[in-house]
C-alpha atoms as a PDB file:
ATOM      1  CA  UNK A   1      -0.046   0.086   0.008  1.00  0.00           C
ATOM      2  CA  UNK A   2       1.319   3.313  -1.015  1.00  0.00           C
ATOM      3  CA  UNK A   3       1.994   5.899   1.825  1.00  0.00           C
ATOM      4  CA  UNK A   4       0.444   9.333   1.684  1.00  0.00           C
ATOM      5  CA  UNK A   5       2.759  12.155   1.345  1.00  0.00           C
ATOM      6  CA  UNK A   6       1.903  15.098   3.321  1.00  0.00           C
ATOM      7  CA  UNK A   7       2.672  18.526   1.915  1.00  0.00           C
ATOM      8  CA  UNK A   8       3.246  21.440   4.224  1.00  0.00           C
ATOM      9  CA  UNK A   9       2.308  24.917   3.001  1.00  0.00           C
ATOM     10  CA  UNK A  10       5.432  26.949   1.875  1.00  0.00           C
ATOM     11  CA  UNK A  11       6.227  29.905   3.900  1.00  0.00           C
ATOM     12  CA  UNK A  12       5.295  33.045   2.116  1.00  0.00           C
ATOM     13  CA  UNK A  13       7.794  35.446   1.024  1.00  0.00           C
ATOM     14  CA  UNK A  14       5.304  38.355   1.300  1.00  0.00           C
ATOM     15  CA  UNK A  15       5.698  40.253   4.519  1.00  0.00           C
ATOM     16  CA  UNK A  16       2.310  40.224   6.641  1.00  0.00           C
ATOM     17  CA  UNK A  17       2.574  43.360   8.917  1.00  0.00           C
ATOM     18  CA  UNK A  18      -1.190  43.230  10.298  1.00  0.00           C
ATOM     19  CA  UNK A  19      -2.106  42.464  14.010  1.00  0.00           C
ATOM     20  CA  UNK A  20      -5.126  40.394  14.863  1.00  0.00           C
ATOM     21  CA  UNK A  21      -8.076  41.828  16.738  1.00  0.00           C
ATOM     22  CA  UNK A  22     -11.395  40.813  18.198  1.00  0.00           C
ATOM     23  CA  UNK A  23     -13.962  43.654  18.598  1.00  0.00           C
ATOM     24  CA  UNK A  24     -17.335  44.156  20.111  1.00  0.00           C
ATOM     25  CA  UNK A  25     -19.394  47.024  18.634  1.00  0.00           C
ATOM     26  CA  UNK A  26     -22.858  48.397  18.210  1.00  0.00           C
ATOM     27  CA  UNK A  27     -24.664  48.939  14.905  1.00  0.00           C
ATOM     28  CA  UNK A  28     -27.799  50.492  13.815  1.00  0.00           C
ATOM     29  CA  UNK A  29     -30.929  48.239  13.788  1.00  0.00           C
ATOM     30  CA  UNK A  30     -33.933  49.192  11.754  1.00  0.00           C
ATOM     31  CA  UNK A  31     -37.551  47.714  11.217  1.00  0.00           C
ATOM     32  CA  UNK A  32     -39.373  48.918   8.211  1.00  0.00           C
ATOM     33  CA  UNK A  33     -42.888  47.271   9.344  1.00  0.00           C
ATOM     34  CA  UNK A  34     -45.388  48.265  11.974  1.00  0.00           C
ATOM     35  CA  UNK A  35     -44.574  47.593  15.532  1.00  0.00           C
ATOM     36  CA  UNK A  36     -46.608  47.221  18.581  1.00  0.00           C
ATOM     37  CA  UNK A  37     -46.048  49.297  21.769  1.00  0.00           C
ATOM     38  CA  UNK A  38     -44.153  46.337  23.389  1.00  0.00           C
ATOM     39  CA  UNK A  39     -42.097  45.749  20.155  1.00  0.00           C
ATOM     40  CA  UNK A  40     -41.193  49.392  19.929  1.00  0.00           C
ATOM     41  CA  UNK A  41     -39.969  49.432  23.556  1.00  0.00           C
ATOM     42  CA  UNK A  42     -37.738  46.366  22.865  1.00  0.00           C
ATOM     43  CA  UNK A  43     -36.336  47.488  19.761  1.00  0.00           C
ATOM     44  CA  UNK A  44     -32.715  48.386  20.174  1.00  0.00           C
ATOM     45  CA  UNK A  45     -29.359  48.627  18.493  1.00  0.00           C
ATOM     46  CA  UNK A  46     -27.511  45.454  17.480  1.00  0.00           C
ATOM     47  CA  UNK A  47     -24.481  44.219  19.148  1.00  0.00           C
ATOM     48  CA  UNK A  48     -21.791  42.833  16.659  1.00  0.00           C
ATOM     49  CA  UNK A  49     -18.761  40.810  17.077  1.00  0.00           C
ATOM     50  CA  UNK A  50     -15.710  40.864  14.477  1.00  0.00           C
ATOM     51  CA  UNK A  51     -12.565  39.148  14.372  1.00  0.00           C
ATOM     52  CA  UNK A  52      -9.764  40.041  11.907  1.00  0.00           C
ATOM     53  CA  UNK A  53      -6.553  41.986  11.254  1.00  0.00           C
ATOM     54  CA  UNK A  54      -6.224  45.702  11.492  1.00  0.00           C
ATOM     55  CA  UNK A  55      -5.458  47.303   8.258  1.00  0.00           C
ATOM     56  CA  UNK A  56      -5.613  50.882   9.403  1.00  0.00           C
ATOM     57  CA  UNK A  57      -6.595  52.812  12.682  1.00  0.00           C
ATOM     58  CA  UNK A  58      -6.917  56.403  13.507  1.00  0.00           C
ATOM     59  CA  UNK A  59      -8.768  58.648  15.969  1.00  0.00           C
ATOM     60  CA  UNK A  60     -12.177  58.167  14.169  1.00  0.00           C
ATOM     61  CA  UNK A  61     -12.309  54.626  12.797  1.00  0.00           C
ATOM     62  CA  UNK A  62     -10.544  51.277  12.702  1.00  0.00           C
ATOM     63  CA  UNK A  63     -10.449  49.344   9.351  1.00  0.00           C
ATOM     64  CA  UNK A  64     -10.103  45.553   9.500  1.00  0.00           C
ATOM     65  CA  UNK A  65     -10.345  42.691   7.218  1.00  0.00           C
ATOM     66  CA  UNK A  66     -11.460  39.035   8.049  1.00  0.00           C
ATOM     67  CA  UNK A  67      -9.865  37.072   5.047  1.00  0.00           C
ATOM     68  CA  UNK A  68      -6.790  37.484   2.936  1.00  0.00           C
ATOM     69  CA  UNK A  69      -5.064  35.924   0.067  1.00  0.00           C
ATOM     70  CA  UNK A  70      -1.304  35.918  -0.763  1.00  0.00           C
ATOM     71  CA  UNK A  71      -0.490  36.223  -4.453  1.00  0.00           C
ATOM     72  CA  UNK A  72       2.949  34.927  -4.528  1.00  0.00           C
ATOM     73  CA  UNK A  73       3.595  35.464  -8.224  1.00  0.00           C
ATOM     74  CA  UNK A  74       2.563  39.201  -7.840  1.00  0.00           C
ATOM     75  CA  UNK A  75       3.963  39.560  -4.305  1.00  0.00           C
ATOM     76  CA  UNK A  76       0.825  41.117  -2.852  1.00  0.00           C
ATOM     77  CA  UNK A  77      -1.755  40.496  -0.419  1.00  0.00           C
ATOM     78  CA  UNK A  78      -5.431  40.742  -1.365  1.00  0.00           C
ATOM     79  CA  UNK A  79      -8.104  41.672   1.272  1.00  0.00           C
ATOM     80  CA  UNK A  80     -11.656  40.385   1.913  1.00  0.00           C
ATOM     81  CA  UNK A  81     -14.522  41.031   4.393  1.00  0.00           C
ATOM     82  CA  UNK A  82     -13.269  44.608   4.845  1.00  0.00           C
ATOM     83  CA  UNK A  83     -15.140  46.842   7.403  1.00  0.00           C
ATOM     84  CA  UNK A  84     -14.424  50.227   8.737  1.00  0.00           C
ATOM     85  CA  UNK A  85     -16.057  50.665  12.289  1.00  0.00           C
ATOM     86  CA  UNK A  86     -16.438  54.161  13.787  1.00  0.00           C
ATOM     87  CA  UNK A  87     -14.491  54.187  17.073  1.00  0.00           C
ATOM     88  CA  UNK A  88     -17.628  55.641  18.904  1.00  0.00           C
ATOM     89  CA  UNK A  89     -19.497  52.434  18.153  1.00  0.00           C
ATOM     90  CA  UNK A  90     -16.812  50.139  19.746  1.00  0.00           C
ATOM     91  CA  UNK A  91     -17.789  48.918  23.172  1.00  0.00           C
END
């Protein structure tokens, strides 16, 4: 019986300078239908949880990405699941 060969991923030559982060933040929550008085009293903001890597941060917002791909041929990182969250929304 032939043995399975395991192949380990090659270490990338592209530098990855981003730090990992977990954020809890609040977001607007809307409802376009009719609400009863009780539903209206319970309606509130949404609590969101995001994990990813910090691309940019300043006094106003933090921009993170949750997925990335390294194009070894081009020597670049491609970013996915990008979100910019206002600092005032982070709890």
